[in-house]
Amino acid sequence: MKRNWIRSLIGGLSFTSALFVFQACYGTGPDYGLDLLIKGQVKSKTSGLPIEGIKVLVEFGHQSEMTDKEGKFELYTEWRDVLNIQFTDVDSTMNGLYADKDTVLHHYAREIELDITLEEK
């Protein structure tokens, strides 16, 4: 009886130790409860077509994402009272040449969906 109790105790401690080592090596996942999802699409103001290769940058946290072929982007960032998002054409003339745009957001929800239009230079 005493032997089974000791075996159970050692087994439980071994399992707990293995979980602790796993967390220490791989960390914990992102805290989506405090994060903010920003997604949307970037289009040309003149043609209305999506623009690929626009860098979307959240100023304070330096999180960035590039728009895909459909002009869409999606990124997570930290919650702030005021949010400054920059849209910059980084691929030069590959998809046309577009002017940079800054967007400042106040009083927003935990998930933001933006439709941005950029003017050609």
PDB file of N, CA and C in Angstrom:
ATOM      1  N   MET A   1       0.821  -1.192   0.000  1.00  0.00           N
ATOM      2  CA  MET A   1       0.000   0.000   0.000  1.00  0.00           C
ATOM      3  C   MET A   1       0.858   1.246   0.000  1.00  0.00           C
ATOM      4  N   LYS A   2       1.879   1.256   0.891  1.00  0.00           N
ATOM      5  CA  LYS A   2       2.761   2.411   0.982  1.00  0.00           C
ATOM      6  C   LYS A   2       3.545   2.589  -0.321  1.00  0.00           C
ATOM      7  N   ARG A   3       3.915   1.500  -0.940  1.00  0.00           N
ATOM      8  CA  ARG A   3       4.679   1.531  -2.185  1.00  0.00           C
ATOM      9  C   ARG A   3       3.866   2.164  -3.314  1.00  0.00           C
ATOM     10  N   ASN A   4       2.561   1.847  -3.423  1.00  0.00           N
ATOM     11  CA  ASN A   4       1.700   2.439  -4.451  1.00  0.00           C
ATOM     12  C   ASN A   4       1.548   3.942  -4.252  1.00  0.00           C
ATOM     13  N   TRP A   5       1.451   4.360  -3.004  1.00  0.00           N
ATOM     14  CA  TRP A   5       1.313   5.792  -2.706  1.00  0.00           C
ATOM     15  C   TRP A   5       2.559   6.553  -3.143  1.00  0.00           C
ATOM     16  N   ILE A   6       3.734   6.018  -2.863  1.00  0.00           N
ATOM     17  CA  ILE A   6       5.000   6.656  -3.248  1.00  0.00           C
ATOM     18  C   ILE A   6       5.140   6.670  -4.773  1.00  0.00           C
ATOM     19  N   ARG A   7       4.762   5.580  -5.402  1.00  0.00           N
ATOM     20  CA  ARG A   7       4.827   5.499  -6.864  1.00  0.00           C
ATOM     21  C   ARG A   7       3.906   6.547  -7.498  1.00  0.00           C
ATOM     22  N   SER A   8       2.707   6.731  -6.969  1.00  0.00           N
ATOM     23  CA  SER A   8       1.774   7.743  -7.484  1.00  0.00           C
ATOM     24  C   SER A   8       2.324   9.153  -7.293  1.00  0.00           C
ATOM     25  N   LEU A   9       2.924   9.398  -6.159  1.00  0.00           N
ATOM     26  CA  LEU A   9       3.500  10.708  -5.871  1.00  0.00           C
ATOM     27  C   LEU A   9       4.646  11.031  -6.829  1.00  0.00           C
ATOM     28  N   ILE A  10       5.532  10.093  -7.017  1.00  0.00           N
ATOM     29  CA  ILE A  10       6.669  10.298  -7.922  1.00  0.00           C
ATOM     30  C   ILE A  10       6.182  10.454  -9.366  1.00  0.00           C
ATOM     31  N   GLY A  11       5.203   9.680  -9.764  1.00  0.00           N
ATOM     32  CA  GLY A  11       4.640   9.805 -11.118  1.00  0.00           C
ATOM     33  C   GLY A  11       4.015  11.172 -11.341  1.00  0.00           C
ATOM     34  N   GLY A  12       3.268  11.661 -10.369  1.00  0.00           N
ATOM     35  CA  GLY A  12       2.647  12.985 -10.489  1.00  0.00           C
ATOM     36  C   GLY A  12       3.676  14.096 -10.548  1.00  0.00           C
ATOM     37  N   LEU A  13       4.723  13.999  -9.716  1.00  0.00           N
ATOM     38  CA  LEU A  13       5.786  15.001  -9.746  1.00  0.00           C
ATOM     39  C   LEU A  13       6.547  14.975 -11.071  1.00  0.00           C
ATOM     40  N   SER A  14       6.756  13.798 -11.612  1.00  0.00           N
ATOM     41  CA  SER A  14       7.441  13.680 -12.906  1.00  0.00           C
ATOM     42  C   SER A  14       6.633  14.325 -14.020  1.00  0.00           C
ATOM     43  N   PHE A  15       5.340  14.080 -14.017  1.00  0.00           N
ATOM     44  CA  PHE A  15       4.466  14.662 -15.036  1.00  0.00           C
ATOM     45  C   PHE A  15       4.434  16.182 -14.918  1.00  0.00           C
ATOM     46  N   THR A  16       4.317  16.684 -13.695  1.00  0.00           N
ATOM     47  CA  THR A  16       4.312  18.130 -13.464  1.00  0.00           C
ATOM     48  C   THR A  16       5.635  18.755 -13.899  1.00  0.00           C
ATOM     49  N   SER A  17       6.741  18.089 -13.616  1.00  0.00           N
ATOM     50  CA  SER A  17       8.055  18.589 -14.032  1.00  0.00           C
ATOM     51  C   SER A  17       8.168  18.639 -15.546  1.00  0.00           C
ATOM     52  N   ALA A  18       7.660  17.625 -16.221  1.00  0.00           N
ATOM     53  CA  ALA A  18       7.702  17.608 -17.683  1.00  0.00           C
ATOM     54  C   ALA A  18       6.894  18.765 -18.265  1.00  0.00           C
ATOM     55  N   LEU A  19       5.727  19.059 -17.700  1.00  0.00           N
ATOM     56  CA  LEU A  19       4.931  20.194 -18.168  1.00  0.00           C
ATOM     57  C   LEU A  19       5.650  21.519 -17.938  1.00  0.00           C
ATOM     58  N   PHE A  20       6.315  21.653 -16.791  1.00  0.00           N
ATOM     59  CA  PHE A  20       7.055  22.872 -16.487  1.00  0.00           C
ATOM     60  C   PHE A  20       8.197  23.073 -17.487  1.00  0.00           C
ATOM     61  N   VAL A  21       8.923  22.017 -17.803  1.00  0.00           N
ATOM     62  CA  VAL A  21      10.024  22.107 -18.767  1.00  0.00           C
ATOM     63  C   VAL A  21       9.484  22.462 -20.151  1.00  0.00           C
ATOM     64  N   PHE A  22       8.382  21.885 -20.548  1.00  0.00           N
ATOM     65  CA  PHE A  22       7.767  22.200 -21.846  1.00  0.00           C
ATOM     66  C   PHE A  22       7.413  23.680 -21.921  1.00  0.00           C
ATOM     67  N   GLN A  23       6.788  24.225 -20.877  1.00  0.00           N
ATOM     68  CA  GLN A  23       6.425  25.639 -20.877  1.00  0.00           C
ATOM     69  C   GLN A  23       7.667  26.520 -20.879  1.00  0.00           C
ATOM     70  N   ALA A  24       8.703  26.123 -20.150  1.00  0.00           N
ATOM     71  CA  ALA A  24       9.939  26.916 -20.106  1.00  0.00           C
ATOM     72  C   ALA A  24      10.611  26.950 -21.474  1.00  0.00           C
ATOM     73  N   CYS A  25      10.544  25.864 -22.217  1.00  0.00           N
ATOM     74  CA  CYS A  25      11.185  25.807 -23.535  1.00  0.00           C
ATOM     75  C   CYS A  25      10.369  26.509 -24.605  1.00  0.00           C
ATOM     76  N   TYR A  26       9.070  26.334 -24.598  1.00  0.00           N
ATOM     77  CA  TYR A  26       8.223  26.835 -25.676  1.00  0.00           C
ATOM     78  C   TYR A  26       7.396  28.060 -25.297  1.00  0.00           C
ATOM     79  N   GLY A  27       7.382  28.438 -24.048  1.00  0.00           N
ATOM     80  CA  GLY A  27       6.643  29.617 -23.619  1.00  0.00           C
ATOM     81  C   GLY A  27       5.144  29.403 -23.668  1.00  0.00           C
ATOM     82  N   THR A  28       4.442  30.464 -23.365  1.00  0.00           N
ATOM     83  CA  THR A  28       2.988  30.407 -23.428  1.00  0.00           C
ATOM     84  C   THR A  28       2.526  31.064 -24.713  1.00  0.00           C
ATOM     85  N   GLY A  29       1.336  30.770 -25.124  1.00  0.00           N
ATOM     86  CA  GLY A  29       0.791  31.351 -26.341  1.00  0.00           C
ATOM     87  C   GLY A  29       0.455  32.816 -26.162  1.00  0.00           C
ATOM     88  N   PRO A  30       0.092  33.494 -27.254  1.00  0.00           N
ATOM     89  CA  PRO A  30      -0.268  34.905 -27.146  1.00  0.00           C
ATOM     90  C   PRO A  30      -1.519  35.100 -26.308  1.00  0.00           C
ATOM     91  N   ASP A  31      -1.593  36.227 -25.647  1.00  0.00           N
ATOM     92  CA  ASP A  31      -2.743  36.557 -24.813  1.00  0.00           C
ATOM     93  C   ASP A  31      -3.768  37.288 -25.670  1.00  0.00           C
ATOM     94  N   TYR A  32      -4.609  36.529 -26.348  1.00  0.00           N
ATOM     95  CA  TYR A  32      -5.579  37.134 -27.254  1.00  0.00           C
ATOM     96  C   TYR A  32      -6.623  37.958 -26.521  1.00  0.00           C
ATOM     97  N   GLY A  33      -6.763  37.772 -25.225  1.00  0.00           N
ATOM     98  CA  GLY A  33      -7.726  38.560 -24.470  1.00  0.00           C
ATOM     99  C   GLY A  33      -7.348  40.023 -24.388  1.00  0.00           C
ATOM    100  N   LEU A  34      -6.053  40.340 -24.379  1.00  0.00           N
ATOM    101  CA  LEU A  34      -5.597  41.720 -24.300  1.00  0.00           C
ATOM    102  C   LEU A  34      -5.126  42.255 -25.643  1.00  0.00           C
ATOM    103  N   ASP A  35      -5.120  41.417 -26.666  1.00  0.00           N
ATOM    104  CA  ASP A  35      -4.659  41.836 -27.975  1.00  0.00           C
ATOM    105  C   ASP A  35      -5.804  42.399 -28.802  1.00  0.00           C
ATOM    106  N   LEU A  36      -5.416  43.102 -29.838  1.00  0.00           N
ATOM    107  CA  LEU A  36      -6.350  43.755 -30.732  1.00  0.00           C
ATOM    108  C   LEU A  36      -6.108  43.238 -32.134  1.00  0.00           C
ATOM    109  N   LEU A  37      -7.150  42.798 -32.812  1.00  0.00           N
ATOM    110  CA  LEU A  37      -7.045  42.322 -34.186  1.00  0.00           C
ATOM    111  C   LEU A  37      -7.362  43.470 -35.131  1.00  0.00           C
ATOM    112  N   ILE A  38      -6.425  43.737 -36.037  1.00  0.00           N
ATOM    113  CA  ILE A  38      -6.631  44.752 -37.070  1.00  0.00           C
ATOM    114  C   ILE A  38      -6.566  44.043 -38.409  1.00  0.00           C
ATOM    115  N   LYS A  39      -7.612  44.182 -39.195  1.00  0.00           N
ATOM    116  CA  LYS A  39      -7.627  43.571 -40.521  1.00  0.00           C
ATOM    117  C   LYS A  39      -8.330  44.507 -41.485  1.00  0.00           C
ATOM    118  N   GLY A  40      -8.128  44.263 -42.744  1.00  0.00           N
ATOM    119  CA  GLY A  40      -8.772  45.115 -43.730  1.00  0.00           C
ATOM    120  C   GLY A  40      -8.229  44.901 -45.120  1.00  0.00           C
ATOM    121  N   GLN A  41      -8.515  45.881 -45.977  1.00  0.00           N
ATOM    122  CA  GLN A  41      -8.109  45.814 -47.368  1.00  0.00           C
ATOM    123  C   GLN A  41      -7.675  47.191 -47.826  1.00  0.00           C
ATOM    124  N   VAL A  42      -6.632  47.220 -48.666  1.00  0.00           N
ATOM    125  CA  VAL A  42      -6.114  48.461 -49.229  1.00  0.00           C
ATOM    126  C   VAL A  42      -6.391  48.453 -50.728  1.00  0.00           C
ATOM    127  N   LYS A  43      -7.027  49.547 -51.215  1.00  0.00           N
ATOM    128  CA  LYS A  43      -7.372  49.661 -52.635  1.00  0.00           C
ATOM    129  C   LYS A  43      -6.868  50.979 -53.201  1.00  0.00           C
ATOM    130  N   SER A  44      -6.781  51.012 -54.515  1.00  0.00           N
ATOM    131  CA  SER A  44      -6.424  52.235 -55.217  1.00  0.00           C
ATOM    132  C   SER A  44      -7.629  53.161 -55.251  1.00  0.00           C
ATOM    133  N   LYS A  45      -7.400  54.454 -54.982  1.00  0.00           N
ATOM    134  CA  LYS A  45      -8.500  55.414 -54.991  1.00  0.00           C
ATOM    135  C   LYS A  45      -9.042  55.625 -56.402  1.00  0.00           C
ATOM    136  N   THR A  46      -8.172  55.601 -57.407  1.00  0.00           N
ATOM    137  CA  THR A  46      -8.621  55.868 -58.772  1.00  0.00           C
ATOM    138  C   THR A  46      -9.273  54.660 -59.431  1.00  0.00           C
ATOM    139  N   SER A  47      -8.667  53.479 -59.299  1.00  0.00           N
ATOM    140  CA  SER A  47      -9.209  52.304 -59.989  1.00  0.00           C
ATOM    141  C   SER A  47     -10.128  51.459 -59.118  1.00  0.00           C
ATOM    142  N   GLY A  48      -9.985  51.552 -57.803  1.00  0.00           N
ATOM    143  CA  GLY A  48     -10.773  50.718 -56.903  1.00  0.00           C
ATOM    144  C   GLY A  48     -10.253  49.296 -56.777  1.00  0.00           C
ATOM    145  N   LEU A  49      -9.117  48.992 -57.410  1.00  0.00           N
ATOM    146  CA  LEU A  49      -8.544  47.645 -57.369  1.00  0.00           C
ATOM    147  C   LEU A  49      -7.669  47.466 -56.129  1.00  0.00           C
ATOM    148  N   PRO A  50      -7.562  46.233 -55.619  1.00  0.00           N
ATOM    149  CA  PRO A  50      -6.714  45.975 -54.459  1.00  0.00           C
ATOM    150  C   PRO A  50      -5.239  46.211 -54.793  1.00  0.00           C
ATOM    151  N   ILE A  51      -4.462  46.593 -53.773  1.00  0.00           N
ATOM    152  CA  ILE A  51      -3.041  46.860 -53.959  1.00  0.00           C
ATOM    153  C   ILE A  51      -2.231  45.864 -53.137  1.00  0.00           C
ATOM    154  N   GLU A  52      -1.352  45.144 -53.800  1.00  0.00           N
ATOM    155  CA  GLU A  52      -0.437  44.215 -53.135  1.00  0.00           C
ATOM    156  C   GLU A  52       0.845  44.959 -52.775  1.00  0.00           C
ATOM    157  N   GLY A  53       1.501  44.550 -51.686  1.00  0.00           N
ATOM    158  CA  GLY A  53       2.802  45.092 -51.344  1.00  0.00           C
ATOM    159  C   GLY A  53       2.782  46.385 -50.559  1.00  0.00           C
ATOM    160  N   ILE A  54       1.685  46.662 -49.857  1.00  0.00           N
ATOM    161  CA  ILE A  54       1.614  47.838 -48.992  1.00  0.00           C
ATOM    162  C   ILE A  54       1.959  47.380 -47.576  1.00  0.00           C
ATOM    163  N   LYS A  55       2.890  48.071 -46.937  1.00  0.00           N
ATOM    164  CA  LYS A  55       3.275  47.739 -45.571  1.00  0.00           C
ATOM    165  C   LYS A  55       2.326  48.429 -44.611  1.00  0.00           C
ATOM    166  N   VAL A  56       1.699  47.652 -43.736  1.00  0.00           N
ATOM    167  CA  VAL A  56       0.798  48.161 -42.710  1.00  0.00           C
ATOM    168  C   VAL A  56       1.562  48.072 -41.393  1.00  0.00           C
ATOM    169  N   LEU A  57       1.812  49.227 -40.757  1.00  0.00           N
ATOM    170  CA  LEU A  57       2.649  49.288 -39.567  1.00  0.00           C
ATOM    171  C   LEU A  57       1.891  49.941 -38.425  1.00  0.00           C
ATOM    172  N   VAL A  58       1.861  49.270 -37.271  1.00  0.00           N
ATOM    173  CA  VAL A  58       1.334  49.855 -36.049  1.00  0.00           C
ATOM    174  C   VAL A  58       2.506  50.554 -35.377  1.00  0.00           C
ATOM    175  N   GLU A  59       2.404  51.877 -35.206  1.00  0.00           N
ATOM    176  CA  GLU A  59       3.545  52.700 -34.837  1.00  0.00           C
ATOM    177  C   GLU A  59       4.219  52.312 -33.526  1.00  0.00           C
ATOM    178  N   PHE A  60       3.477  52.181 -32.421  1.00  0.00           N
ATOM    179  CA  PHE A  60       4.117  52.002 -31.112  1.00  0.00           C
ATOM    180  C   PHE A  60       4.732  50.624 -30.931  1.00  0.00           C
ATOM    181  N   GLY A  61       4.131  49.595 -31.464  1.00  0.00           N
ATOM    182  CA  GLY A  61       4.611  48.240 -31.228  1.00  0.00           C
ATOM    183  C   GLY A  61       5.482  47.693 -32.337  1.00  0.00           C
ATOM    184  N   HIS A  62       5.560  48.406 -33.426  1.00  0.00           N
ATOM    185  CA  HIS A  62       6.349  48.023 -34.595  1.00  0.00           C
ATOM    186  C   HIS A  62       5.895  46.693 -35.190  1.00  0.00           C
ATOM    187  N   GLN A  63       4.627  46.316 -34.988  1.00  0.00           N
ATOM    188  CA  GLN A  63       4.091  45.150 -35.674  1.00  0.00           C
ATOM    189  C   GLN A  63       3.731  45.590 -37.088  1.00  0.00           C
ATOM    190  N   SER A  64       4.082  44.761 -38.049  1.00  0.00           N
ATOM    191  CA  SER A  64       3.762  45.118 -39.428  1.00  0.00           C
ATOM    192  C   SER A  64       3.348  43.886 -40.208  1.00  0.00           C
ATOM    193  N   GLU A  65       2.683  44.147 -41.305  1.00  0.00           N
ATOM    194  CA  GLU A  65       2.185  43.099 -42.187  1.00  0.00           C
ATOM    195  C   GLU A  65       2.145  43.689 -43.594  1.00  0.00           C
ATOM    196  N   MET A  66       2.321  42.848 -44.591  1.00  0.00           N
ATOM    197  CA  MET A  66       2.228  43.279 -45.981  1.00  0.00           C
ATOM    198  C   MET A  66       0.876  42.838 -46.546  1.00  0.00           C
ATOM    199  N   THR A  67       0.310  43.654 -47.416  1.00  0.00           N
ATOM    200  CA  THR A  67      -0.944  43.271 -48.057  1.00  0.00           C
ATOM    201  C   THR A  67      -0.675  42.170 -49.083  1.00  0.00           C
ATOM    202  N   ASP A  68      -1.634  41.260 -49.224  1.00  0.00           N
ATOM    203  CA  ASP A  68      -1.496  40.159 -50.173  1.00  0.00           C
ATOM    204  C   ASP A  68      -2.024  40.569 -51.550  1.00  0.00           C
ATOM    205  N   LYS A  69      -2.198  39.602 -52.446  1.00  0.00           N
ATOM    206  CA  LYS A  69      -2.654  39.893 -53.819  1.00  0.00           C
ATOM    207  C   LYS A  69      -4.036  40.528 -53.854  1.00  0.00           C
ATOM    208  N   GLU A  70      -4.841  40.260 -52.837  1.00  0.00           N
ATOM    209  CA  GLU A  70      -6.186  40.829 -52.765  1.00  0.00           C
ATOM    210  C   GLU A  70      -6.197  42.137 -51.977  1.00  0.00           C
ATOM    211  N   GLY A  71      -4.999  42.638 -51.611  1.00  0.00           N
ATOM    212  CA  GLY A  71      -4.892  43.883 -50.848  1.00  0.00           C
ATOM    213  C   GLY A  71      -5.257  43.726 -49.382  1.00  0.00           C
ATOM    214  N   LYS A  72      -5.392  42.492 -48.919  1.00  0.00           N
ATOM    215  CA  LYS A  72      -5.835  42.252 -47.547  1.00  0.00           C
ATOM    216  C   LYS A  72      -4.651  42.105 -46.592  1.00  0.00           C
ATOM    217  N   PHE A  73      -4.899  42.465 -45.339  1.00  0.00           N
ATOM    218  CA  PHE A  73      -3.909  42.324 -44.275  1.00  0.00           C
ATOM    219  C   PHE A  73      -4.613  41.955 -42.987  1.00  0.00           C
ATOM    220  N   GLU A  74      -3.854  41.370 -42.053  1.00  0.00           N
ATOM    221  CA  GLU A  74      -4.376  40.992 -40.740  1.00  0.00           C
ATOM    222  C   GLU A  74      -3.212  40.894 -39.771  1.00  0.00           C
ATOM    223  N   LEU A  75      -3.321  41.585 -38.622  1.00  0.00           N
ATOM    224  CA  LEU A  75      -2.269  41.511 -37.619  1.00  0.00           C
ATOM    225  C   LEU A  75      -2.844  41.752 -36.236  1.00  0.00           C
ATOM    226  N   TYR A  76      -2.147  41.208 -35.245  1.00  0.00           N
ATOM    227  CA  TYR A  76      -2.500  41.417 -33.842  1.00  0.00           C
ATOM    228  C   TYR A  76      -1.538  42.418 -33.243  1.00  0.00           C
ATOM    229  N   THR A  77      -2.036  43.267 -32.364  1.00  0.00           N
ATOM    230  CA  THR A  77      -1.207  44.227 -31.662  1.00  0.00           C
ATOM    231  C   THR A  77      -1.747  44.428 -30.253  1.00  0.00           C
ATOM    232  N   GLU A  78      -1.004  45.140 -29.459  1.00  0.00           N
ATOM    233  CA  GLU A  78      -1.385  45.414 -28.079  1.00  0.00           C
ATOM    234  C   GLU A  78      -2.463  46.495 -28.028  1.00  0.00           C
ATOM    235  N   TRP A  79      -3.370  46.369 -27.079  1.00  0.00           N
ATOM    236  CA  TRP A  79      -4.444  47.343 -26.897  1.00  0.00           C
ATOM    237  C   TRP A  79      -3.866  48.674 -26.420  1.00  0.00           C
ATOM    238  N   ARG A  80      -4.267  49.787 -27.018  1.00  0.00           N
ATOM    239  CA  ARG A  80      -3.875  51.150 -26.631  1.00  0.00           C
ATOM    240  C   ARG A  80      -5.090  52.057 -26.749  1.00  0.00           C
ATOM    241  N   ASP A  81      -5.057  53.204 -26.040  1.00  0.00           N
ATOM    242  CA  ASP A  81      -6.150  54.174 -26.141  1.00  0.00           C
ATOM    243  C   ASP A  81      -6.178  54.849 -27.503  1.00  0.00           C
ATOM    244  N   VAL A  82      -4.997  55.170 -28.021  1.00  0.00           N
ATOM    245  CA  VAL A  82      -4.874  55.804 -29.338  1.00  0.00           C
ATOM    246  C   VAL A  82      -3.970  54.924 -30.182  1.00  0.00           C
ATOM    247  N   LEU A  83      -4.377  54.684 -31.402  1.00  0.00           N
ATOM    248  CA  LEU A  83      -3.656  53.777 -32.271  1.00  0.00           C
ATOM    249  C   LEU A  83      -3.307  54.484 -33.570  1.00  0.00           C
ATOM    250  N   ASN A  84      -2.011  54.527 -33.921  1.00  0.00           N
ATOM    251  CA  ASN A  84      -1.563  55.133 -35.168  1.00  0.00           C
ATOM    252  C   ASN A  84      -1.110  54.021 -36.107  1.00  0.00           C
ATOM    253  N   ILE A  85      -1.735  53.946 -37.277  1.00  0.00           N
ATOM    254  CA  ILE A  85      -1.421  52.916 -38.266  1.00  0.00           C
ATOM    255  C   ILE A  85      -0.921  53.612 -39.525  1.00  0.00           C
ATOM    256  N   GLN A  86       0.217  53.142 -40.041  1.00  0.00           N
ATOM    257  CA  GLN A  86       0.813  53.729 -41.239  1.00  0.00           C
ATOM    258  C   GLN A  86       0.705  52.751 -42.398  1.00  0.00           C
ATOM    259  N   PHE A  87       0.371  53.276 -43.565  1.00  0.00           N
ATOM    260  CA  PHE A  87       0.295  52.489 -44.791  1.00  0.00           C
ATOM    261  C   PHE A  87       1.349  53.047 -45.742  1.00  0.00           C
ATOM    262  N   THR A  88       2.340  52.200 -46.116  1.00  0.00           N
ATOM    263  CA  THR A  88       3.461  52.651 -46.919  1.00  0.00           C
ATOM    264  C   THR A  88       3.665  51.716 -48.102  1.00  0.00           C
ATOM    265  N   ASP A  89       3.843  52.290 -49.288  1.00  0.00           N
ATOM    266  CA  ASP A  89       4.130  51.516 -50.492  1.00  0.00           C
ATOM    267  C   ASP A  89       5.621  51.199 -50.495  1.00  0.00           C
ATOM    268  N   VAL A  90       5.973  49.945 -50.272  1.00  0.00           N
ATOM    269  CA  VAL A  90       7.381  49.570 -50.174  1.00  0.00           C
ATOM    270  C   VAL A  90       7.896  48.833 -51.406  1.00  0.00           C
ATOM    271  N   ASP A  91       7.011  48.447 -52.317  1.00  0.00           N
ATOM    272  CA  ASP A  91       7.479  47.720 -53.498  1.00  0.00           C
ATOM    273  C   ASP A  91       7.709  48.645 -54.689  1.00  0.00           C
ATOM    274  N   SER A  92       7.691  49.944 -54.431  1.00  0.00           N
ATOM    275  CA  SER A  92       7.975  50.966 -55.443  1.00  0.00           C
ATOM    276  C   SER A  92       6.986  50.879 -56.597  1.00  0.00           C
ATOM    277  N   THR A  93       7.466  50.720 -57.803  1.00  0.00           N
ATOM    278  CA  THR A  93       6.586  50.804 -58.974  1.00  0.00           C
ATOM    279  C   THR A  93       6.031  49.454 -59.418  1.00  0.00           C
ATOM    280  N   MET A  94       6.266  48.384 -58.655  1.00  0.00           N
ATOM    281  CA  MET A  94       5.794  47.055 -59.054  1.00  0.00           C
ATOM    282  C   MET A  94       4.277  47.038 -59.263  1.00  0.00           C
ATOM    283  N   ASN A  95       3.534  47.614 -58.364  1.00  0.00           N
ATOM    284  CA  ASN A  95       2.067  47.658 -58.468  1.00  0.00           C
ATOM    285  C   ASN A  95       1.576  49.096 -58.609  1.00  0.00           C
ATOM    286  N   GLY A  96       2.408  49.974 -59.081  1.00  0.00           N
ATOM    287  CA  GLY A  96       2.082  51.386 -59.120  1.00  0.00           C
ATOM    288  C   GLY A  96       2.781  52.068 -57.959  1.00  0.00           C
ATOM    289  N   LEU A  97       2.757  53.376 -57.938  1.00  0.00           N
ATOM    290  CA  LEU A  97       3.422  54.135 -56.884  1.00  0.00           C
ATOM    291  C   LEU A  97       2.349  54.890 -56.116  1.00  0.00           C
ATOM    292  N   TYR A  98       2.207  54.610 -54.826  1.00  0.00           N
ATOM    293  CA  TYR A  98       1.134  55.167 -54.018  1.00  0.00           C
ATOM    294  C   TYR A  98       1.674  56.028 -52.884  1.00  0.00           C
ATOM    295  N   ALA A  99       0.926  57.065 -52.537  1.00  0.00           N
ATOM    296  CA  ALA A  99       1.294  57.963 -51.446  1.00  0.00           C
ATOM    297  C   ALA A  99       1.059  57.270 -50.105  1.00  0.00           C
ATOM    298  N   ASP A 100       1.918  57.594 -49.146  1.00  0.00           N
ATOM    299  CA  ASP A 100       1.763  57.043 -47.794  1.00  0.00           C
ATOM    300  C   ASP A 100       0.526  57.632 -47.128  1.00  0.00           C
ATOM    301  N   LYS A 101       0.000  56.889 -46.162  1.00  0.00           N
ATOM    302  CA  LYS A 101      -1.187  57.353 -45.438  1.00  0.00           C
ATOM    303  C   LYS A 101      -1.079  56.941 -43.985  1.00  0.00           C
ATOM    304  N   ASP A 102      -1.415  57.847 -43.083  1.00  0.00           N
ATOM    305  CA  ASP A 102      -1.477  57.551 -41.650  1.00  0.00           C
ATOM    306  C   ASP A 102      -2.929  57.592 -41.207  1.00  0.00           C
ATOM    307  N   THR A 103      -3.296  56.675 -40.338  1.00  0.00           N
ATOM    308  CA  THR A 103      -4.641  56.628 -39.780  1.00  0.00           C
ATOM    309  C   THR A 103      -4.524  56.585 -38.263  1.00  0.00           C
ATOM    310  N   VAL A 104      -5.224  57.470 -37.585  1.00  0.00           N
ATOM    311  CA  VAL A 104      -5.237  57.503 -36.123  1.00  0.00           C
ATOM    312  C   VAL A 104      -6.622  57.091 -35.664  1.00  0.00           C
ATOM    313  N   LEU A 105      -6.670  56.093 -34.775  1.00  0.00           N
ATOM    314  CA  LEU A 105      -7.941  55.582 -34.279  1.00  0.00           C
ATOM    315  C   LEU A 105      -8.089  55.878 -32.790  1.00  0.00           C
ATOM    316  N   HIS A 106      -9.280  56.336 -32.400  1.00  0.00           N
ATOM    317  CA  HIS A 106      -9.666  56.548 -31.003  1.00  0.00           C
ATOM    318  C   HIS A 106     -10.972  55.784 -30.775  1.00  0.00           C
ATOM    319  N   HIS A 107     -11.193  55.297 -29.587  1.00  0.00           N
ATOM    320  CA  HIS A 107     -12.466  54.652 -29.226  1.00  0.00           C
ATOM    321  C   HIS A 107     -12.843  53.563 -30.233  1.00  0.00           C
ATOM    322  N   TYR A 108     -12.196  52.464 -30.161  1.00  0.00           N
ATOM    323  CA  TYR A 108     -12.428  51.380 -31.098  1.00  0.00           C
ATOM    324  C   TYR A 108     -12.694  50.074 -30.355  1.00  0.00           C
ATOM    325  N   ALA A 109     -13.188  49.092 -31.087  1.00  0.00           N
ATOM    326  CA  ALA A 109     -13.523  47.784 -30.515  1.00  0.00           C
ATOM    327  C   ALA A 109     -12.285  46.885 -30.492  1.00  0.00           C
ATOM    328  N   ARG A 110     -12.422  45.674 -29.992  1.00  0.00           N
ATOM    329  CA  ARG A 110     -11.307  44.713 -29.914  1.00  0.00           C
ATOM    330  C   ARG A 110     -10.933  44.149 -31.277  1.00  0.00           C
ATOM    331  N   GLU A 111     -11.797  44.317 -32.253  1.00  0.00           N
ATOM    332  CA  GLU A 111     -11.510  43.882 -33.613  1.00  0.00           C
ATOM    333  C   GLU A 111     -11.843  45.033 -34.545  1.00  0.00           C
ATOM    334  N   ILE A 112     -10.857  45.434 -35.342  1.00  0.00           N
ATOM    335  CA  ILE A 112     -11.025  46.571 -36.236  1.00  0.00           C
ATOM    336  C   ILE A 112     -10.930  46.082 -37.671  1.00  0.00           C
ATOM    337  N   GLU A 113     -11.866  46.518 -38.499  1.00  0.00           N
ATOM    338  CA  GLU A 113     -11.805  46.212 -39.919  1.00  0.00           C
ATOM    339  C   GLU A 113     -11.735  47.543 -40.672  1.00  0.00           C
ATOM    340  N   LEU A 114     -10.679  47.700 -41.456  1.00  0.00           N
ATOM    341  CA  LEU A 114     -10.431  48.945 -42.173  1.00  0.00           C
ATOM    342  C   LEU A 114     -10.512  48.745 -43.669  1.00  0.00           C
ATOM    343  N   ASP A 115     -11.092  49.701 -44.368  1.00  0.00           N
ATOM    344  CA  ASP A 115     -11.051  49.774 -45.818  1.00  0.00           C
ATOM    345  C   ASP A 115     -10.301  51.054 -46.152  1.00  0.00           C
ATOM    346  N   ILE A 116      -9.084  50.903 -46.666  1.00  0.00           N
ATOM    347  CA  ILE A 116      -8.196  52.031 -46.912  1.00  0.00           C
ATOM    348  C   ILE A 116      -8.046  52.233 -48.413  1.00  0.00           C
ATOM    349  N   THR A 117      -8.105  53.483 -48.849  1.00  0.00           N
ATOM    350  CA  THR A 117      -7.824  53.824 -50.238  1.00  0.00           C
ATOM    351  C   THR A 117      -6.600  54.723 -50.278  1.00  0.00           C
ATOM    352  N   LEU A 118      -5.692  54.414 -51.193  1.00  0.00           N
ATOM    353  CA  LEU A 118      -4.466  55.175 -51.360  1.00  0.00           C
ATOM    354  C   LEU A 118      -4.479  55.874 -52.713  1.00  0.00           C
ATOM    355  N   GLU A 119      -3.970  57.096 -52.733  1.00  0.00           N
ATOM    356  CA  GLU A 119      -3.869  57.866 -53.968  1.00  0.00           C
ATOM    357  C   GLU A 119      -2.558  57.546 -54.656  1.00  0.00           C
ATOM    358  N   GLU A 120      -2.590  57.553 -55.973  1.00  0.00           N
ATOM    359  CA  GLU A 120      -1.361  57.355 -56.746  1.00  0.00           C
ATOM    360  C   GLU A 120      -0.535  58.628 -56.695  1.00  0.00           C
ATOM    361  N   LYS A 121       0.791  58.468 -56.720  1.00  0.00           N
ATOM    362  CA  LYS A 121       1.691  59.615 -56.741  1.00  0.00           C
ATOM    363  C   LYS A 121       1.809  60.170 -58.130  1.00  0.00           C
TER     364      LYS A 121
END
